[in-house]
Amino acid sequence: MHAVEVEHLTKVYPPSTGGSTPRHALDSIDFEVDAGEIVALVGPNGSGKSTLLKLIAGISEPSEGICRIFGVPATQPGARARIAYLPENPAFNPRSSARAVAAFFGRLGGATARAAGALADEVLDEVGLSWDRDRKEETFSRGMRQRLGLAAVLALRPALLLLDEPTEGIDLVGLGEFDRIVARFRKSGGTVLFTSHRLERLERVCDRVVLLVDGHLRMQGRPAELIRGGAGRLSATEGGGGLEKAFLLEVARCRGGRE
């Protein structure tokens, strides 16, 4: 079953002040995410990754096309009830403790007051914040705030996680914990779609990777397949290439550079 179905999805923004040309953030995107998959959206800044996540989350409406969540249009309540969306820079009540934030989201997800407290402790432990559960959010570093955001969306107990740059600002230890978190979430039956600039980690985390360039879907597939495809276009002097090289080659090709 598809957790996410995107068909001909297009998003056009009106001209900026003083301008005359509309901006195409996304142009006729088609792809699916199967239930139980971990999929990463990658691409240069401004390629449309965050816009696509917002459309899938039902936060924004497309100019054309449709997105379905488990068969239900993304803008309908039945779809929104099954997802949890984490923006790139999550913000919470700065005076609230980490436990209060996680418990609040647990209540939003339908937990009772008593169950929400236990759930908060569980998800904070999962993201490595159990020792900081009584600290106020305003004392947190950016990386800790990202961890708190992960705890908050996990407390909602969704079927689909939509995460916008969830590892930004997280240290190396935290990156390993993120890998384990999404693996456990998938093992429990969940699906994960996230954006990332950390291409070096995607090979060990993702089932598939989708490359966007200037609002167009340019590549998608399993990391090993994409790496082999990129290596086949490298000269002998350039040596072998990982996922990053494969994508850089494709971005250069799309923008008129040398392959």
C-alpha atoms as a PDB file:
ATOM      1  CA  MET A   1       0.000   0.000   0.000  1.00  0.00           C
ATOM      2  CA  HIS A   2       1.217   3.516  -0.760  1.00  0.00           C
ATOM      3  CA  ALA A   3       1.637   5.738   2.280  1.00  0.00           C
ATOM      4  CA  VAL A   4       2.151   8.714  -0.054  1.00  0.00           C
ATOM      5  CA  GLU A   5       0.994   9.125  -3.659  1.00  0.00           C
ATOM      6  CA  VAL A   6       1.951  12.298  -5.510  1.00  0.00           C
ATOM      7  CA  GLU A   7       0.538  12.883  -9.004  1.00  0.00           C
ATOM      8  CA  HIS A   8       1.472  15.830 -11.250  1.00  0.00           C
ATOM      9  CA  LEU A   9       2.022  17.973  -8.151  1.00  0.00           C
ATOM     10  CA  THR A  10       2.747  21.578  -9.071  1.00  0.00           C
ATOM     11  CA  LYS A  11       3.162  24.637  -6.884  1.00  0.00           C
ATOM     12  CA  VAL A  12       3.346  28.103  -8.405  1.00  0.00           C
ATOM     13  CA  TYR A  13       3.851  31.206  -6.271  1.00  0.00           C
ATOM     14  CA  PRO A  14       2.770  34.647  -7.493  1.00  0.00           C
ATOM     15  CA  PRO A  15       5.420  37.158  -8.560  1.00  0.00           C
ATOM     16  CA  SER A  16       7.346  38.816  -5.762  1.00  0.00           C
ATOM     17  CA  THR A  17       6.762  42.489  -5.069  1.00  0.00           C
ATOM     18  CA  GLY A  18       7.803  44.443  -8.137  1.00  0.00           C
ATOM     19  CA  GLY A  19       8.251  41.278 -10.203  1.00  0.00           C
ATOM     20  CA  SER A  20       6.253  39.961 -13.135  1.00  0.00           C
ATOM     21  CA  THR A  21       7.179  36.277 -13.316  1.00  0.00           C
ATOM     22  CA  PRO A  22       5.477  33.600 -11.165  1.00  0.00           C
ATOM     23  CA  ARG A  23       7.832  31.193  -9.415  1.00  0.00           C
ATOM     24  CA  HIS A  24       7.430  27.465 -10.037  1.00  0.00           C
ATOM     25  CA  ALA A  25       8.529  25.844  -6.777  1.00  0.00           C
ATOM     26  CA  LEU A  26       7.461  22.397  -8.036  1.00  0.00           C
ATOM     27  CA  ASP A  27       6.683  21.326 -11.588  1.00  0.00           C
ATOM     28  CA  SER A  28       4.541  18.187 -12.163  1.00  0.00           C
ATOM     29  CA  ILE A  29       6.086  15.894  -9.532  1.00  0.00           C
ATOM     30  CA  ASP A  30       5.140  12.184  -9.528  1.00  0.00           C
ATOM     31  CA  PHE A  31       6.331   9.631  -6.975  1.00  0.00           C
ATOM     32  CA  GLU A  32       5.158   7.237  -4.279  1.00  0.00           C
ATOM     33  CA  VAL A  33       6.311   6.150  -0.846  1.00  0.00           C
ATOM     34  CA  ASP A  34       5.278   2.648   0.152  1.00  0.00           C
ATOM     35  CA  ALA A  35       4.066   1.937   3.675  1.00  0.00           C
ATOM     36  CA  GLY A  36       7.053   0.944   5.818  1.00  0.00           C
ATOM     37  CA  GLU A  37       9.669   2.741   3.693  1.00  0.00           C
ATOM     38  CA  ILE A  38      12.275   5.291   4.757  1.00  0.00           C
ATOM     39  CA  VAL A  39      12.726   7.805   1.930  1.00  0.00           C
ATOM     40  CA  ALA A  40      14.903  10.933   1.772  1.00  0.00           C
ATOM     41  CA  LEU A  41      14.295  14.028  -0.340  1.00  0.00           C
ATOM     42  CA  VAL A  42      17.548  15.704  -1.355  1.00  0.00           C
ATOM     43  CA  GLY A  43      18.603  18.536  -3.628  1.00  0.00           C
ATOM     44  CA  PRO A  44      20.182  22.006  -3.705  1.00  0.00           C
ATOM     45  CA  ASN A  45      18.694  24.852  -1.692  1.00  0.00           C
ATOM     46  CA  GLY A  46      15.527  26.100  -3.361  1.00  0.00           C
ATOM     47  CA  SER A  47      14.862  22.818  -5.148  1.00  0.00           C
ATOM     48  CA  GLY A  48      11.379  22.452  -3.631  1.00  0.00           C
ATOM     49  CA  LYS A  49      11.984  19.889  -0.879  1.00  0.00           C
ATOM     50  CA  SER A  50      10.297  21.829   1.942  1.00  0.00           C
ATOM     51  CA  THR A  51       7.452  22.907  -0.346  1.00  0.00           C
ATOM     52  CA  LEU A  52       6.812  19.274  -1.259  1.00  0.00           C
ATOM     53  CA  LEU A  53       6.722  18.221   2.402  1.00  0.00           C
ATOM     54  CA  LYS A  54       4.208  20.969   3.207  1.00  0.00           C
ATOM     55  CA  LEU A  55       1.968  19.874   0.352  1.00  0.00           C
ATOM     56  CA  ILE A  56       2.116  16.268   1.529  1.00  0.00           C
ATOM     57  CA  ALA A  57       1.353  17.423   5.083  1.00  0.00           C
ATOM     58  CA  GLY A  58      -1.714  19.294   3.832  1.00  0.00           C
ATOM     59  CA  ILE A  59      -0.367  22.603   5.148  1.00  0.00           C
ATOM     60  CA  SER A  60      -0.298  24.100   1.660  1.00  0.00           C
ATOM     61  CA  GLU A  61      -2.520  23.366  -1.347  1.00  0.00           C
ATOM     62  CA  PRO A  62      -1.063  22.559  -4.768  1.00  0.00           C
ATOM     63  CA  SER A  63      -1.620  24.721  -7.818  1.00  0.00           C
ATOM     64  CA  GLU A  64      -2.192  21.515  -9.784  1.00  0.00           C
ATOM     65  CA  GLY A  65      -2.133  17.793  -9.085  1.00  0.00           C
ATOM     66  CA  ILE A  66      -3.004  15.795  -6.010  1.00  0.00           C
ATOM     67  CA  CYS A  67      -1.372  14.130  -3.040  1.00  0.00           C
ATOM     68  CA  ARG A  68      -2.903  11.203  -1.149  1.00  0.00           C
ATOM     69  CA  ILE A  69      -1.989   9.854   2.286  1.00  0.00           C
ATOM     70  CA  PHE A  70      -2.929   6.172   2.566  1.00  0.00           C
ATOM     71  CA  GLY A  71      -5.409   6.790  -0.241  1.00  0.00           C
ATOM     72  CA  VAL A  72      -6.983   9.919   1.288  1.00  0.00           C
ATOM     73  CA  PRO A  73      -6.385  13.437  -0.164  1.00  0.00           C
ATOM     74  CA  ALA A  74      -3.741  15.170   1.942  1.00  0.00           C
ATOM     75  CA  THR A  75      -5.942  18.167   2.760  1.00  0.00           C
ATOM     76  CA  GLN A  76      -8.677  16.037   4.358  1.00  0.00           C
ATOM     77  CA  PRO A  77      -8.822  15.417   8.137  1.00  0.00           C
ATOM     78  CA  GLY A  78      -8.595  11.649   7.626  1.00  0.00           C
ATOM     79  CA  ALA A  79      -5.146  12.085   6.085  1.00  0.00           C
ATOM     80  CA  ARG A  80      -3.876  14.635   8.594  1.00  0.00           C
ATOM     81  CA  ALA A  81      -4.808  12.353  11.494  1.00  0.00           C
ATOM     82  CA  ARG A  82      -2.224   9.822  10.319  1.00  0.00           C
ATOM     83  CA  ILE A  83       0.788  12.115   9.875  1.00  0.00           C
ATOM     84  CA  ALA A  84       3.160  14.129  12.021  1.00  0.00           C
ATOM     85  CA  TYR A  85       5.100  16.985  10.421  1.00  0.00           C
ATOM     86  CA  LEU A  86       8.285  18.465  11.890  1.00  0.00           C
ATOM     87  CA  PRO A  87       9.388  21.791  10.310  1.00  0.00           C
ATOM     88  CA  GLU A  88      13.025  22.679   9.806  1.00  0.00           C
ATOM     89  CA  ASN A  89      13.192  25.016  12.820  1.00  0.00           C
ATOM     90  CA  PRO A  90      10.702  23.755  15.409  1.00  0.00           C
ATOM     91  CA  ALA A  91       9.701  26.194  18.161  1.00  0.00           C
ATOM     92  CA  PHE A  92       7.829  25.542  21.383  1.00  0.00           C
ATOM     93  CA  ASN A  93       6.797  27.500  24.452  1.00  0.00           C
ATOM     94  CA  PRO A  94      10.209  28.603  25.780  1.00  0.00           C
ATOM     95  CA  ARG A  95       8.943  28.431  29.374  1.00  0.00           C
ATOM     96  CA  SER A  96       7.780  24.828  29.072  1.00  0.00           C
ATOM     97  CA  SER A  97       9.903  21.882  30.124  1.00  0.00           C
ATOM     98  CA  ALA A  98      10.788  19.204  27.613  1.00  0.00           C
ATOM     99  CA  ARG A  99       8.457  16.807  29.428  1.00  0.00           C
ATOM    100  CA  ALA A 100       5.573  19.280  29.277  1.00  0.00           C
ATOM    101  CA  VAL A 101       6.090  19.763  25.533  1.00  0.00           C
ATOM    102  CA  ALA A 102       6.168  16.024  24.825  1.00  0.00           C
ATOM    103  CA  ALA A 103       3.147  15.395  27.074  1.00  0.00           C
ATOM    104  CA  PHE A 104       1.203  18.164  25.302  1.00  0.00           C
ATOM    105  CA  PHE A 105       1.771  16.487  21.950  1.00  0.00           C
ATOM    106  CA  GLY A 106       0.828  13.153  23.465  1.00  0.00           C
ATOM    107  CA  ARG A 107      -2.513  14.655  24.475  1.00  0.00           C
ATOM    108  CA  LEU A 108      -2.931  16.027  20.937  1.00  0.00           C
ATOM    109  CA  GLY A 109      -2.437  12.474  19.715  1.00  0.00           C
ATOM    110  CA  GLY A 110      -5.273  11.228  21.904  1.00  0.00           C
ATOM    111  CA  ALA A 111      -3.496  10.067  25.061  1.00  0.00           C
ATOM    112  CA  THR A 112      -5.088  10.617  28.472  1.00  0.00           C
ATOM    113  CA  ALA A 113      -3.369  12.965  30.928  1.00  0.00           C
ATOM    114  CA  ARG A 114      -1.828  10.051  32.835  1.00  0.00           C
ATOM    115  CA  ALA A 115      -0.790   8.181  29.697  1.00  0.00           C
ATOM    116  CA  ALA A 116       0.656  11.364  28.171  1.00  0.00           C
ATOM    117  CA  GLY A 117       3.119  11.734  31.050  1.00  0.00           C
ATOM    118  CA  ALA A 118       4.396   8.184  30.643  1.00  0.00           C
ATOM    119  CA  LEU A 119       4.505   8.630  26.865  1.00  0.00           C
ATOM    120  CA  ALA A 120       6.515  11.838  27.269  1.00  0.00           C
ATOM    121  CA  ASP A 121       9.124  10.023  29.359  1.00  0.00           C
ATOM    122  CA  GLU A 122       9.287   7.261  26.748  1.00  0.00           C
ATOM    123  CA  VAL A 123       9.846   9.495  23.717  1.00  0.00           C
ATOM    124  CA  LEU A 124      12.288  11.787  25.531  1.00  0.00           C
ATOM    125  CA  ASP A 125      14.352   8.737  26.444  1.00  0.00           C
ATOM    126  CA  GLU A 126      14.178   7.600  22.823  1.00  0.00           C
ATOM    127  CA  VAL A 127      15.679  10.870  21.535  1.00  0.00           C
ATOM    128  CA  GLY A 128      18.285  11.169  24.291  1.00  0.00           C
ATOM    129  CA  LEU A 129      16.656  13.899  26.393  1.00  0.00           C
ATOM    130  CA  SER A 130      15.634  11.911  29.468  1.00  0.00           C
ATOM    131  CA  TRP A 131      18.209  13.696  31.652  1.00  0.00           C
ATOM    132  CA  ASP A 132      16.972  17.080  30.426  1.00  0.00           C
ATOM    133  CA  ARG A 133      13.249  16.463  30.675  1.00  0.00           C
ATOM    134  CA  ASP A 134      12.734  19.112  33.372  1.00  0.00           C
ATOM    135  CA  ARG A 135      14.784  21.805  31.643  1.00  0.00           C
ATOM    136  CA  LYS A 136      12.957  24.663  29.956  1.00  0.00           C
ATOM    137  CA  GLU A 137      13.005  24.779  26.185  1.00  0.00           C
ATOM    138  CA  GLU A 138      14.588  28.245  26.207  1.00  0.00           C
ATOM    139  CA  THR A 139      17.810  26.746  27.626  1.00  0.00           C
ATOM    140  CA  PHE A 140      18.169  24.223  24.810  1.00  0.00           C
ATOM    141  CA  SER A 141      20.756  24.353  22.029  1.00  0.00           C
ATOM    142  CA  ARG A 142      19.612  24.026  18.430  1.00  0.00           C
ATOM    143  CA  GLY A 143      20.492  20.353  18.384  1.00  0.00           C
ATOM    144  CA  MET A 144      18.552  19.720  21.588  1.00  0.00           C
ATOM    145  CA  ARG A 145      15.585  21.589  20.131  1.00  0.00           C
ATOM    146  CA  GLN A 146      15.706  19.295  17.111  1.00  0.00           C
ATOM    147  CA  ARG A 147      15.665  16.290  19.443  1.00  0.00           C
ATOM    148  CA  LEU A 148      12.686  17.759  21.288  1.00  0.00           C
ATOM    149  CA  GLY A 149      10.913  18.194  17.969  1.00  0.00           C
ATOM    150  CA  LEU A 150      11.459  14.515  17.200  1.00  0.00           C
ATOM    151  CA  ALA A 151      10.085  13.593  20.617  1.00  0.00           C
ATOM    152  CA  ALA A 152       7.013  15.748  20.003  1.00  0.00           C
ATOM    153  CA  VAL A 153       6.122  14.133  16.664  1.00  0.00           C
ATOM    154  CA  LEU A 154       6.785  10.642  18.017  1.00  0.00           C
ATOM    155  CA  ALA A 155       4.378  11.372  20.884  1.00  0.00           C
ATOM    156  CA  LEU A 156       1.612  11.863  18.311  1.00  0.00           C
ATOM    157  CA  ARG A 157       1.969   8.164  17.402  1.00  0.00           C
ATOM    158  CA  PRO A 158       1.551   8.778  13.643  1.00  0.00           C
ATOM    159  CA  ALA A 159       1.670   6.275  10.813  1.00  0.00           C
ATOM    160  CA  LEU A 160       3.766   8.666   8.681  1.00  0.00           C
ATOM    161  CA  LEU A 161       6.560  10.983   9.802  1.00  0.00           C
ATOM    162  CA  LEU A 162       7.344  14.015   7.625  1.00  0.00           C
ATOM    163  CA  LEU A 163      10.612  15.572   8.785  1.00  0.00           C
ATOM    164  CA  ASP A 164      12.216  18.701   7.312  1.00  0.00           C
ATOM    165  CA  GLU A 165      15.995  18.649   7.918  1.00  0.00           C
ATOM    166  CA  PRO A 166      15.615  16.721  11.215  1.00  0.00           C
ATOM    167  CA  THR A 167      19.373  16.288  11.713  1.00  0.00           C
ATOM    168  CA  GLU A 168      20.354  19.944  11.218  1.00  0.00           C
ATOM    169  CA  GLY A 169      22.395  21.073  14.221  1.00  0.00           C
ATOM    170  CA  ILE A 170      22.649  17.567  15.684  1.00  0.00           C
ATOM    171  CA  ASP A 171      26.110  16.245  16.603  1.00  0.00           C
ATOM    172  CA  LEU A 172      27.605  12.931  15.464  1.00  0.00           C
ATOM    173  CA  VAL A 173      26.206  11.048  18.451  1.00  0.00           C
ATOM    174  CA  GLY A 174      22.782  12.468  17.706  1.00  0.00           C
ATOM    175  CA  LEU A 175      23.050  11.423  14.056  1.00  0.00           C
ATOM    176  CA  GLY A 176      23.538   7.817  15.087  1.00  0.00           C
ATOM    177  CA  GLU A 177      20.556   8.093  17.416  1.00  0.00           C
ATOM    178  CA  PHE A 178      18.443   9.497  14.581  1.00  0.00           C
ATOM    179  CA  ASP A 179      19.325   6.492  12.435  1.00  0.00           C
ATOM    180  CA  ARG A 180      18.174   4.171  15.216  1.00  0.00           C
ATOM    181  CA  ILE A 181      14.988   6.170  15.852  1.00  0.00           C
ATOM    182  CA  VAL A 182      13.774   5.972  12.261  1.00  0.00           C
ATOM    183  CA  ALA A 183      14.763   2.291  12.048  1.00  0.00           C
ATOM    184  CA  ARG A 184      12.697   1.511  15.165  1.00  0.00           C
ATOM    185  CA  PHE A 185       9.798   3.585  13.867  1.00  0.00           C
ATOM    186  CA  ARG A 186       9.829   1.644  10.590  1.00  0.00           C
ATOM    187  CA  LYS A 187      10.069  -1.668  12.504  1.00  0.00           C
ATOM    188  CA  SER A 188       6.910  -0.721  14.396  1.00  0.00           C
ATOM    189  CA  GLY A 189       5.095  -0.275  11.056  1.00  0.00           C
ATOM    190  CA  GLY A 190       5.732   3.424  10.469  1.00  0.00           C
ATOM    191  CA  THR A 191       6.818   5.267   7.315  1.00  0.00           C
ATOM    192  CA  VAL A 192       9.346   8.118   7.167  1.00  0.00           C
ATOM    193  CA  LEU A 193       9.843  10.813   4.517  1.00  0.00           C
ATOM    194  CA  PHE A 194      12.491  13.408   5.349  1.00  0.00           C
ATOM    195  CA  THR A 195      14.680  16.044   3.734  1.00  0.00           C
ATOM    196  CA  SER A 196      18.418  16.118   4.291  1.00  0.00           C
ATOM    197  CA  HIS A 197      21.681  17.709   3.208  1.00  0.00           C
ATOM    198  CA  ARG A 198      23.738  14.984   4.938  1.00  0.00           C
ATOM    199  CA  LEU A 199      24.148  12.732   1.922  1.00  0.00           C
ATOM    200  CA  GLU A 200      26.940  10.678   3.477  1.00  0.00           C
ATOM    201  CA  ARG A 201      24.499   9.016   5.915  1.00  0.00           C
ATOM    202  CA  LEU A 202      21.650   8.177   3.589  1.00  0.00           C
ATOM    203  CA  GLU A 203      23.139   4.946   2.290  1.00  0.00           C
ATOM    204  CA  ARG A 204      22.744   3.292   5.691  1.00  0.00           C
ATOM    205  CA  VAL A 205      19.375   4.817   6.585  1.00  0.00           C
ATOM    206  CA  CYS A 206      17.164   4.973   3.496  1.00  0.00           C
ATOM    207  CA  ASP A 207      15.360   2.485   1.323  1.00  0.00           C
ATOM    208  CA  ARG A 208      15.143   5.079  -1.448  1.00  0.00           C
ATOM    209  CA  VAL A 209      16.369   8.589  -2.193  1.00  0.00           C
ATOM    210  CA  VAL A 210      14.615  11.198  -4.369  1.00  0.00           C
ATOM    211  CA  LEU A 211      16.586  14.058  -5.963  1.00  0.00           C
ATOM    212  CA  LEU A 212      14.850  17.353  -6.735  1.00  0.00           C
ATOM    213  CA  VAL A 213      16.539  20.047  -8.823  1.00  0.00           C
ATOM    214  CA  ASP A 214      14.860  23.404  -9.444  1.00  0.00           C
ATOM    215  CA  GLY A 215      11.386  22.026  -8.786  1.00  0.00           C
ATOM    216  CA  HIS A 216      11.780  18.914 -10.964  1.00  0.00           C
ATOM    217  CA  LEU A 217      12.217  15.291  -9.881  1.00  0.00           C
ATOM    218  CA  ARG A 218      15.480  14.220 -11.531  1.00  0.00           C
ATOM    219  CA  MET A 219      16.491  10.916  -9.921  1.00  0.00           C
ATOM    220  CA  GLN A 220      15.055   8.350  -7.538  1.00  0.00           C
ATOM    221  CA  GLY A 221      16.024   4.865  -6.478  1.00  0.00           C
ATOM    222  CA  ARG A 222      17.870   2.791  -3.941  1.00  0.00           C
ATOM    223  CA  PRO A 223      21.146   4.383  -2.788  1.00  0.00           C
ATOM    224  CA  ALA A 224      23.315   1.568  -4.167  1.00  0.00           C
ATOM    225  CA  GLU A 225      21.666   1.852  -7.595  1.00  0.00           C
ATOM    226  CA  LEU A 226      22.150   5.616  -7.730  1.00  0.00           C
ATOM    227  CA  ILE A 227      25.785   5.299  -6.666  1.00  0.00           C
ATOM    228  CA  ARG A 228      26.463   2.739  -9.415  1.00  0.00           C
ATOM    229  CA  GLY A 229      24.807   5.010 -11.967  1.00  0.00           C
ATOM    230  CA  GLY A 230      26.909   7.967 -10.885  1.00  0.00           C
ATOM    231  CA  ALA A 231      30.148   5.966 -10.830  1.00  0.00           C
ATOM    232  CA  GLY A 232      29.505   4.901 -14.414  1.00  0.00           C
ATOM    233  CA  ARG A 233      29.695   8.552 -15.507  1.00  0.00           C
ATOM    234  CA  LEU A 234      32.957   9.338 -13.682  1.00  0.00           C
ATOM    235  CA  SER A 235      36.277   9.385 -15.512  1.00  0.00           C
ATOM    236  CA  ALA A 236      39.150   7.220 -14.316  1.00  0.00           C
ATOM    237  CA  THR A 237      40.911  10.250 -12.847  1.00  0.00           C
ATOM    238  CA  GLU A 238      37.858  11.204 -10.794  1.00  0.00           C
ATOM    239  CA  GLY A 239      37.784   7.867  -9.012  1.00  0.00           C
ATOM    240  CA  GLY A 240      34.809   6.160  -7.435  1.00  0.00           C
ATOM    241  CA  GLY A 241      31.833   8.141  -6.289  1.00  0.00           C
ATOM    242  CA  GLY A 242      29.362   7.928  -3.452  1.00  0.00           C
ATOM    243  CA  LEU A 243      25.842   9.235  -3.302  1.00  0.00           C
ATOM    244  CA  GLU A 244      27.043  12.847  -3.082  1.00  0.00           C
ATOM    245  CA  LYS A 245      29.066  12.576  -6.303  1.00  0.00           C
ATOM    246  CA  ALA A 246      26.185  10.910  -8.122  1.00  0.00           C
ATOM    247  CA  PHE A 247      23.873  13.767  -7.190  1.00  0.00           C
ATOM    248  CA  LEU A 248      26.408  16.499  -7.953  1.00  0.00           C
ATOM    249  CA  LEU A 249      26.850  15.036 -11.424  1.00  0.00           C
ATOM    250  CA  GLU A 250      23.102  15.039 -12.010  1.00  0.00           C
ATOM    251  CA  VAL A 251      22.683  18.592 -10.709  1.00  0.00           C
ATOM    252  CA  ALA A 252      25.493  19.758 -13.018  1.00  0.00           C
ATOM    253  CA  ARG A 253      23.881  17.957 -15.968  1.00  0.00           C
ATOM    254  CA  CYS A 254      20.483  19.514 -15.243  1.00  0.00           C
ATOM    255  CA  ARG A 255      21.992  22.974 -15.006  1.00  0.00           C
ATOM    256  CA  GLY A 256      24.024  22.660 -18.183  1.00  0.00           C
ATOM    257  CA  GLY A 257      27.368  21.754 -16.631  1.00  0.00           C
ATOM    258  CA  ARG A 258      29.814  18.987 -17.471  1.00  0.00           C
ATOM    259  CA  GLU A 259      28.834  15.404 -16.634  1.00  0.00           C
END
